[in-house]
Protein backbone atom coordinates (compact mmCIF):
# COMPACT_ATOMS: atom_id res chain seq x y z
CA UNK A 1 42.48 212.29 45.72
CA UNK A 2 45.80 214.14 45.26
CA UNK A 3 47.77 210.86 45.27
CA UNK A 4 45.40 209.44 42.66
CA UNK A 5 45.89 212.44 40.36
CA UNK A 6 49.67 212.12 40.61
CA UNK A 7 49.47 208.37 39.96
CA UNK A 8 47.29 208.98 36.90
CA UNK A 9 49.77 211.52 35.53
CA UNK A 10 52.69 209.12 36.10
CA UNK A 11 50.87 206.37 34.23
CA UNK A 12 50.80 208.61 31.15
CA UNK A 13 54.57 209.12 31.00
CA UNK A 14 56.56 207.18 28.40
CA UNK A 15 58.40 204.14 29.76
CA UNK A 16 61.58 204.89 27.79
CA UNK A 17 63.53 208.05 27.15
CA UNK A 18 63.65 211.16 29.30
CA UNK A 19 60.75 213.19 30.61
CA UNK A 20 61.10 216.63 32.17
CA UNK A 21 58.49 217.60 34.73
CA UNK A 22 58.42 221.03 36.33
CA UNK A 23 56.27 220.92 39.46
CA UNK A 24 56.07 221.73 43.14
CA UNK A 25 57.45 219.81 46.10
CA UNK A 26 54.23 218.02 47.05
CA UNK A 27 54.04 216.33 43.64
CA UNK A 28 57.71 215.36 43.87
CA UNK A 29 57.22 213.84 47.32
CA UNK A 30 54.10 211.89 46.25
CA UNK A 31 55.90 210.70 43.10
CA UNK A 32 58.77 209.36 45.20
CA UNK A 33 56.31 207.69 47.53
CA UNK A 34 54.51 205.99 44.64
CA UNK A 35 57.61 204.96 42.65
CA UNK A 36 60.00 204.08 45.45
CA UNK A 37 57.60 203.10 48.23
CA UNK A 38 59.06 205.71 50.59
CA UNK A 39 57.04 207.20 53.44
CA UNK A 40 56.15 210.87 53.02
CA UNK A 41 56.45 211.69 56.71
CA UNK A 42 60.19 211.04 56.69
CA UNK A 43 60.85 212.98 53.51
CA UNK A 44 61.60 216.70 53.83
CA UNK A 45 60.25 218.90 51.03
CA UNK A 46 62.80 219.70 48.32
CA UNK A 47 64.05 223.30 48.15
CA UNK A 48 62.31 225.62 45.69
CA UNK A 49 63.93 225.61 42.27
CA UNK A 50 65.81 222.38 42.96
CA UNK A 51 66.31 219.29 40.82
CA UNK A 52 65.10 215.79 41.58
CA UNK A 53 66.22 213.07 39.18
CA UNK A 54 64.56 209.66 39.07
CA UNK A 55 65.98 207.01 36.75
CA UNK A 56 63.27 204.61 35.60
CA UNK A 57 65.18 202.15 33.38
CA UNK A 58 65.06 198.70 34.99
CA UNK A 59 63.21 200.08 38.01
CA UNK A 60 62.89 203.45 39.70
CA UNK A 61 66.10 204.75 41.26
CA UNK A 62 66.55 208.12 42.96
CA UNK A 63 69.65 209.79 41.52
CA UNK A 64 69.28 213.31 42.98
CA UNK A 65 66.82 214.89 45.43
CA UNK A 66 66.52 218.60 46.08
CA UNK A 67 69.80 219.39 44.31
CA UNK A 68 70.54 223.10 43.96
CA UNK A 69 73.27 225.06 42.22
CA UNK A 70 75.26 224.81 45.47
CA UNK A 71 74.93 221.04 45.76
CA UNK A 72 74.31 219.90 42.19
CA UNK A 73 76.27 216.82 41.25
CA UNK A 74 74.11 215.08 38.68
CA UNK A 75 75.47 211.64 37.86
CA UNK A 76 76.05 210.64 34.26
CA UNK A 77 73.39 208.26 33.03
């Protein structure tokens, strides 16, 4: 049920441009699983207050996961 709610929310996002989503780690992990086909059991939860950046242009691409002010190196898009 939770995966289905996340998938439904993702389907409503625009396909172009940028979208900011502020959410908790479980939604981030499920989103990565749905978009990138990654297994949740091998994915540690992101730290609280961290940044995860997914580029969706020609296909989903993980650009940053769990980045914090100590580790933040956001690539230029």
